[in-house]
Amino acid sequence: MTGNIENNDNSQDEQHVGGTEPQGPRHKRSLTRRKVVVAGAGAAVAVGAGGALAAGAFAGESKPGKGAKGAKASASAGEVCYKLTSETTEGPYYIDADKLRQDITEDKEGIPFTLALKVIDSETCKPIANAAVDVWHCDALGLYSGYESSSTGGGGAPTDAPSGTPTGTPTDVPTGTPTGEPPAGGGGGGHEEPTDDKRYLRGTWKTDKQGRVTFKTIFPGWYRGRCVHIHTKVHVNGEWTDAGYEGGNTCHTGQFFFDEESVLASAAVAPYSTSTTERTTLTEDTIYDQSGVQGGLLQLKYNKKNIAKGVVGSITMGVEPDATHEGTDDAVQPGASASASASAS
């Protein structure tokens, strides 16, 4: 795509990707290089009604003050500004931001979900503008785009499953000791290369002058070994160009989590209700660190009597702009056992 890409975040004046000045690093350091490839004429999609819902998502937040004095004026502001948001594993299903857009839903069915994010410097409390924020998650039945053949999902038993009891003794039983590592499908292991060209429920967009960015998607489902979650990365100190986002460093790799009440409510709504996969609860999950907002727990707003109408989730991420957190080294992988988590931490 050529030309500027319109920012449809209705909480701020119109912004453009092309020609935006990059954030300069505060200290010299080697920068990792990454690039966003803009896909198709429909890459920039308006958040629409979801954006209007998200506009009030931060209404209850205390505005960060200037310096330590301003932060101490509010206990909630202090909590946000001086606690870094937890770093987690990238997981095996990350694709390097090849969809520059805010509406990542495509044609996936599910409960409408608006994700309202704010990115601030955890040391100065100031919002971080022009950061590139990636989000990606599974669909209502646990499948990841780009990895449909290797992500496990939970869509129920196949309708053409063979019936009856097998007879006879197999003659081709393998012998010897197996070698190599088990496959990473289902969430464990390191990064995997995509197996298909689908890219639903994935997207990247820029933060505005207040450090805010909004995505329109669906409420995620679940798969074996993990609670309901959304993955995220924050990239800074790079440059927005007509082609996308280039250079800079990944200052945060994390995940967002959902409280049990909301997940139980979603599980009663189709297509989530058709899943046959046993669900891992928030307290059982091996990635969520049980620290609430600091660990990525979203603040959720929805009609308690009818979650199917839609949900708004919001959170402020406190990050270190000069740090590098790729989420790929010495990190606990999704689907890992509790013992694996302990040994990796």
Protein backbone atom coordinates (compact mmCIF):
# COMPACT_ATOMS: atom_id res chain seq x y z
CA MET A 1 0.00 0.00 0.00
CA THR A 2 1.24 3.49 -0.78
CA GLY A 3 0.30 6.79 0.74
CA ASN A 4 -0.69 7.65 4.28
CA ILE A 5 -2.82 5.36 6.42
CA GLU A 6 -5.59 7.09 8.32
CA ASN A 7 -5.76 6.55 12.06
CA ASN A 8 -9.41 5.98 12.95
CA ASP A 9 -9.03 6.21 16.73
CA ASN A 10 -11.89 8.62 17.42
CA SER A 11 -10.48 9.72 20.76
CA GLN A 12 -7.92 11.92 19.03
CA ASP A 13 -7.56 14.16 16.00
CA GLU A 14 -6.79 12.46 12.70
CA GLN A 15 -3.25 11.12 12.50
CA HIS A 16 -1.30 9.67 9.61
CA VAL A 17 1.29 6.89 9.51
CA GLY A 18 3.34 8.33 6.70
CA GLY A 19 5.67 11.15 7.62
CA THR A 20 5.39 10.67 11.38
CA GLU A 21 8.65 11.42 13.11
CA PRO A 22 10.13 8.40 14.94
CA GLN A 23 10.69 8.41 18.67
CA GLY A 24 14.37 8.84 19.34
CA PRO A 25 16.03 6.54 21.87
CA ARG A 26 17.12 8.15 25.12
CA HIS A 27 20.31 6.10 25.20
CA LYS A 28 22.48 4.68 22.44
CA ARG A 29 21.99 0.97 21.88
CA SER A 30 21.86 -1.55 19.08
CA LEU A 31 18.38 -1.73 17.61
CA THR A 32 16.64 -4.84 16.39
CA ARG A 33 15.04 -4.45 12.99
CA ARG A 34 11.49 -5.31 12.05
CA LYS A 35 9.12 -4.24 9.33
CA VAL A 36 5.39 -4.09 8.90
CA VAL A 37 4.16 -5.03 5.44
CA VAL A 38 0.86 -3.31 4.74
CA ALA A 39 -1.62 -5.76 3.23
CA GLY A 40 -4.24 -4.72 0.71
CA ALA A 41 -6.44 -1.71 0.23
CA GLY A 42 -8.52 -2.62 3.28
CA ALA A 43 -5.63 -2.62 5.73
CA ALA A 44 -6.79 0.48 7.59
CA VAL A 45 -10.24 -0.27 8.95
CA ALA A 46 -12.26 2.02 11.19
CA VAL A 47 -13.07 0.77 14.66
CA GLY A 48 -16.55 2.24 14.25
CA ALA A 49 -19.05 1.65 17.04
CA GLY A 50 -16.48 -0.32 19.02
CA GLY A 51 -14.30 2.77 19.17
CA ALA A 52 -17.14 4.74 20.68
CA LEU A 53 -17.47 2.16 23.44
CA ALA A 54 -13.73 2.26 24.02
CA ALA A 55 -13.68 6.04 24.29
CA GLY A 56 -14.97 5.79 27.84
CA ALA A 57 -12.83 2.82 28.82
CA PHE A 58 -10.24 5.04 30.48
CA ALA A 59 -12.75 7.46 31.98
CA GLY A 60 -12.06 6.26 35.50
CA GLU A 61 -8.28 6.45 35.23
CA SER A 62 -6.28 9.05 37.08
CA LYS A 63 -4.26 11.18 34.73
CA PRO A 64 -0.51 10.71 35.22
CA GLY A 65 1.12 13.70 36.85
CA LYS A 66 4.45 15.29 36.10
CA GLY A 67 7.27 13.56 37.91
CA ALA A 68 7.12 11.80 41.27
CA LYS A 69 5.04 14.53 42.89
CA GLY A 70 2.21 14.16 40.38
CA ALA A 71 2.29 10.37 40.62
CA LYS A 72 2.06 10.39 44.41
CA ALA A 73 -1.05 12.55 44.24
CA SER A 74 -3.04 9.45 43.37
CA ALA A 75 -2.55 5.91 44.66
CA SER A 76 -3.92 4.45 41.44
CA ALA A 77 -1.57 6.59 39.36
CA GLY A 78 1.36 5.38 41.44
CA GLU A 79 0.36 1.77 40.90
CA VAL A 80 0.24 2.28 37.15
CA CYS A 81 3.40 4.34 36.81
CA TYR A 82 5.83 2.45 39.02
CA LYS A 83 4.95 -1.14 38.31
CA LEU A 84 6.07 -2.66 35.04
CA THR A 85 3.54 -4.79 33.23
CA SER A 86 4.62 -8.43 33.41
CA GLU A 87 6.69 -9.83 30.56
CA THR A 88 5.59 -13.22 29.22
CA THR A 89 6.46 -15.62 26.45
CA GLU A 90 5.79 -14.73 22.82
CA GLY A 91 4.41 -18.21 22.20
CA PRO A 92 4.75 -20.27 19.02
CA TYR A 93 2.14 -18.47 16.90
CA TYR A 94 3.51 -14.93 16.46
CA ILE A 95 3.65 -13.49 12.95
CA ASP A 96 5.63 -10.28 12.54
CA ALA A 97 2.88 -7.70 12.12
CA ASP A 98 1.87 -8.17 8.51
CA LYS A 99 -1.58 -6.64 8.99
CA LEU A 100 -1.64 -2.92 9.77
CA ARG A 101 -5.21 -2.41 10.99
CA GLN A 102 -7.47 -1.83 13.99
CA ASP A 103 -10.38 -4.10 13.05
CA ILE A 104 -8.89 -7.61 13.12
CA THR A 105 -12.18 -9.53 13.16
CA GLU A 106 -12.42 -10.45 9.47
CA ASP A 107 -15.25 -13.01 9.17
CA LYS A 108 -14.81 -14.74 12.53
CA GLU A 109 -17.91 -15.37 14.62
CA GLY A 110 -17.98 -14.55 18.29
CA ILE A 111 -18.91 -12.00 20.94
CA PRO A 112 -17.88 -8.49 19.77
CA PHE A 113 -14.87 -7.34 21.78
CA THR A 114 -13.23 -3.90 21.87
CA LEU A 115 -9.69 -3.81 23.29
CA ALA A 116 -8.71 -0.34 24.56
CA LEU A 117 -5.02 -0.06 25.43
CA LYS A 118 -2.83 2.68 26.83
CA VAL A 119 0.98 2.57 26.82
CA ILE A 120 3.00 4.66 29.28
CA ASP A 121 6.63 4.94 30.39
CA SER A 122 6.64 3.21 33.79
CA GLU A 123 9.37 5.54 35.07
CA THR A 124 8.08 8.95 33.96
CA CYS A 125 4.36 8.09 33.74
CA LYS A 126 4.20 9.84 30.36
CA PRO A 127 2.21 8.31 27.52
CA ILE A 128 4.20 6.79 24.68
CA ALA A 129 3.00 8.05 21.31
CA ASN A 130 3.60 6.43 17.92
CA ALA A 131 4.43 3.02 19.37
CA ALA A 132 3.50 0.01 17.24
CA VAL A 133 1.26 -2.38 19.18
CA ASP A 134 0.68 -5.94 17.97
CA VAL A 135 -2.22 -8.08 19.18
CA TRP A 136 -3.11 -11.66 18.20
CA HIS A 137 -5.28 -14.41 19.66
CA CYS A 138 -7.18 -17.59 18.84
CA ASP A 139 -10.75 -17.71 17.55
CA ALA A 140 -13.86 -18.81 19.47
CA LEU A 141 -12.86 -22.47 19.09
CA GLY A 142 -9.17 -22.14 19.90
CA LEU A 143 -7.62 -21.92 16.41
CA TYR A 144 -4.88 -19.44 15.44
CA SER A 145 -4.76 -17.98 11.95
CA GLY A 146 -1.62 -19.00 10.12
CA TYR A 147 -1.49 -22.17 12.21
CA GLU A 148 -4.84 -23.88 11.82
CA SER A 149 -3.21 -27.28 11.27
CA SER A 150 -0.99 -27.08 14.34
CA SER A 151 -3.09 -25.17 16.88
CA THR A 152 -5.35 -27.62 18.68
CA GLY A 153 -8.70 -25.84 18.84
CA GLY A 154 -11.79 -27.33 20.44
CA GLY A 155 -14.52 -27.65 17.84
CA GLY A 156 -15.95 -30.97 18.98
CA ALA A 157 -15.68 -34.48 17.61
CA PRO A 158 -15.55 -34.99 13.81
CA THR A 159 -18.82 -36.08 12.24
CA ASP A 160 -17.12 -38.69 10.07
CA ALA A 161 -15.32 -40.50 12.89
CA PRO A 162 -15.09 -44.29 12.39
CA SER A 163 -17.35 -46.44 14.55
CA GLY A 164 -16.94 -49.89 16.04
CA THR A 165 -14.04 -51.54 17.83
CA PRO A 166 -10.81 -52.21 15.91
CA THR A 167 -9.78 -55.84 15.66
CA GLY A 168 -6.51 -57.63 15.11
CA THR A 169 -2.99 -56.78 16.14
CA PRO A 170 -1.03 -54.04 14.40
CA THR A 171 1.99 -55.32 12.51
CA ASP A 172 3.87 -52.08 12.10
CA VAL A 173 4.58 -51.17 15.72
CA PRO A 174 7.66 -48.88 15.80
CA THR A 175 10.76 -50.09 17.59
CA GLY A 176 13.72 -48.33 19.14
CA THR A 177 13.95 -45.08 21.08
CA PRO A 178 12.30 -41.95 19.65
CA THR A 179 14.61 -39.02 18.99
CA GLY A 180 14.15 -35.27 18.78
CA GLU A 181 11.76 -32.93 20.56
CA PRO A 182 7.98 -33.33 20.56
CA PRO A 183 6.07 -31.05 18.19
CA ALA A 184 5.12 -27.64 19.52
CA GLY A 185 1.50 -27.78 18.33
CA GLY A 186 -1.10 -26.80 20.90
CA GLY A 187 0.94 -23.96 22.32
CA GLY A 188 4.13 -25.49 23.69
CA GLY A 189 7.65 -25.15 22.37
CA GLY A 190 9.32 -22.30 20.51
CA HIS A 191 8.26 -20.26 17.53
CA GLU A 192 6.73 -22.13 14.60
CA GLU A 193 6.64 -21.09 10.97
CA PRO A 194 3.12 -20.38 9.65
CA THR A 195 1.37 -23.28 7.95
CA ASP A 196 -1.26 -21.27 6.05
CA ASP A 197 -1.81 -17.74 4.75
CA LYS A 198 -4.81 -16.80 6.91
CA ARG A 199 -4.39 -13.78 9.19
CA TYR A 200 -7.67 -13.29 11.07
CA LEU A 201 -7.55 -11.96 14.66
CA ARG A 202 -4.12 -10.37 14.15
CA GLY A 203 -3.21 -6.73 13.72
CA THR A 204 -0.86 -3.83 14.43
CA TRP A 205 -1.65 -0.16 15.00
CA LYS A 206 -0.04 2.97 16.40
CA THR A 207 -0.64 4.69 19.72
CA ASP A 208 -1.93 8.26 19.61
CA LYS A 209 -0.61 11.29 21.49
CA GLN A 210 -2.13 9.96 24.71
CA GLY A 211 -0.51 6.54 24.27
CA ARG A 212 -3.86 4.96 23.40
CA VAL A 213 -4.80 2.47 20.73
CA THR A 214 -8.03 0.55 20.16
CA PHE A 215 -8.67 -2.76 18.41
CA LYS A 216 -11.96 -4.31 17.33
CA THR A 217 -12.08 -8.12 17.49
CA ILE A 218 -14.04 -10.97 19.14
CA PHE A 219 -13.87 -12.42 22.64
CA PRO A 220 -11.20 -15.17 22.43
CA GLY A 221 -11.92 -18.84 23.00
CA TRP A 222 -9.63 -21.35 24.68
CA TYR A 223 -7.52 -24.39 23.89
CA ARG A 224 -5.85 -27.19 25.81
CA GLY A 225 -3.58 -26.06 28.65
CA ARG A 226 -4.30 -22.31 28.55
CA CYS A 227 -6.85 -19.92 29.98
CA VAL A 228 -8.49 -17.32 27.74
CA HIS A 229 -5.90 -14.72 26.68
CA ILE A 230 -4.67 -12.26 24.04
CA HIS A 231 -1.01 -11.83 23.06
CA THR A 232 0.63 -8.42 22.60
CA LYS A 233 3.92 -6.74 21.71
CA VAL A 234 4.90 -3.08 21.94
CA HIS A 235 7.59 -1.72 19.59
CA VAL A 236 9.17 1.72 20.05
CA ASN A 237 12.00 3.93 18.75
CA GLY A 238 11.27 2.89 15.18
CA GLU A 239 9.87 4.84 12.25
CA TRP A 240 6.42 4.89 10.67
CA THR A 241 6.67 5.09 6.88
CA ASP A 242 4.27 4.67 3.97
CA ALA A 243 5.23 0.98 4.01
CA GLY A 244 4.55 0.53 7.73
CA TYR A 245 6.81 0.43 10.79
CA GLU A 246 10.56 -0.13 10.60
CA GLY A 247 13.40 -0.54 13.07
CA GLY A 248 13.25 0.12 16.79
CA ASN A 249 13.10 -2.32 19.69
CA THR A 250 10.42 -4.50 21.24
CA CYS A 251 10.05 -3.05 24.74
CA HIS A 252 7.23 -5.33 25.88
CA THR A 253 5.92 -8.82 25.15
CA GLY A 254 2.91 -9.80 27.21
CA GLN A 255 -0.56 -11.30 27.39
CA PHE A 256 -3.96 -10.01 28.46
CA PHE A 257 -6.27 -12.15 30.61
CA PHE A 258 -9.99 -12.39 31.35
CA ASP A 259 -11.67 -12.96 34.71
CA GLU A 260 -13.57 -16.20 35.28
CA GLU A 261 -16.99 -14.57 35.43
CA SER A 262 -16.71 -13.23 31.90
CA VAL A 263 -15.29 -16.48 30.51
CA LEU A 264 -18.08 -18.56 32.07
CA ALA A 265 -20.63 -16.17 30.59
CA SER A 266 -19.03 -16.41 27.14
CA ALA A 267 -18.98 -20.22 27.33
CA ALA A 268 -22.79 -20.24 27.29
CA VAL A 269 -22.90 -18.38 23.97
CA ALA A 270 -22.45 -19.99 20.52
CA PRO A 271 -19.97 -20.77 19.03
CA TYR A 272 -18.02 -20.98 22.32
CA SER A 273 -20.66 -23.33 23.71
CA THR A 274 -19.82 -25.94 21.05
CA SER A 275 -16.23 -26.36 22.24
CA THR A 276 -15.41 -29.76 23.73
CA THR A 277 -11.99 -28.74 25.01
CA GLU A 278 -11.47 -28.80 28.77
CA ARG A 279 -10.89 -25.25 29.91
CA THR A 280 -7.94 -24.13 32.05
CA THR A 281 -9.02 -21.52 34.61
CA LEU A 282 -7.24 -18.26 35.34
CA THR A 283 -5.83 -19.60 38.63
CA GLU A 284 -4.62 -22.80 36.93
CA ASP A 285 -2.83 -21.06 34.08
CA THR A 286 0.96 -21.39 34.03
CA ILE A 287 1.61 -18.09 32.24
CA TYR A 288 -0.57 -15.62 34.17
CA ASP A 289 1.35 -14.57 37.31
CA GLN A 290 -1.79 -13.89 39.40
CA SER A 291 -0.81 -10.24 39.95
CA GLY A 292 -3.96 -8.62 38.57
CA VAL A 293 -3.60 -5.62 36.27
CA GLN A 294 0.19 -5.75 36.53
CA GLY A 295 0.05 -9.29 35.15
CA GLY A 296 -2.24 -8.30 32.28
CA LEU A 297 -5.72 -8.80 33.80
CA LEU A 298 -8.17 -6.69 31.78
CA GLN A 299 -10.85 -4.42 33.19
CA LEU A 300 -14.05 -5.59 31.49
CA LYS A 301 -17.37 -3.83 30.85
CA TYR A 302 -20.42 -5.66 29.50
CA ASN A 303 -24.09 -6.36 30.15
CA LYS A 304 -24.02 -9.05 32.85
CA LYS A 305 -27.37 -10.37 31.62
CA ASN A 306 -26.36 -10.51 27.98
CA ILE A 307 -22.63 -10.70 27.27
CA ALA A 308 -23.43 -11.53 23.64
CA LYS A 309 -24.09 -7.81 23.04
CA GLY A 310 -20.37 -7.12 23.36
CA VAL A 311 -17.50 -6.53 25.78
CA VAL A 312 -15.01 -3.70 26.24
CA GLY A 313 -11.66 -4.56 27.84
CA SER A 314 -9.14 -1.91 28.89
CA ILE A 315 -5.72 -1.81 30.50
CA THR A 316 -2.71 0.49 30.87
CA MET A 317 0.69 -1.04 30.15
CA GLY A 318 3.70 0.33 31.98
CA VAL A 319 6.80 -0.36 29.85
CA GLU A 320 10.51 0.47 29.69
CA PRO A 321 11.05 2.18 26.32
CA ASP A 322 14.80 1.52 26.32
CA ALA A 323 14.52 -2.17 27.23
CA THR A 324 14.27 -5.12 24.86
CA HIS A 325 11.78 -7.87 25.71
CA GLU A 326 11.27 -10.19 22.76
CA GLY A 327 9.60 -12.92 24.82
CA THR A 328 11.59 -15.67 23.14
CA ASP A 329 14.51 -16.32 25.50
CA ASP A 330 14.21 -18.30 28.74
CA ALA A 331 10.45 -17.78 28.82
CA VAL A 332 7.77 -20.21 29.89
CA GLN A 333 5.93 -21.42 26.80
CA PRO A 334 2.14 -21.60 26.58
CA GLY A 335 0.85 -25.01 27.56
CA ALA A 336 3.88 -25.75 29.76
CA SER A 337 3.33 -27.70 32.95
CA ALA A 338 3.48 -26.13 36.40
CA SER A 339 6.81 -27.86 37.03
CA ALA A 340 8.15 -26.44 33.78
CA SER A 341 7.05 -22.99 34.86
CA ALA A 342 8.89 -23.31 38.14
CA SER A 343 12.09 -24.49 36.50
CA ALA A 344 11.98 -21.74 33.90
CA SER A 345 11.39 -18.85 36.28
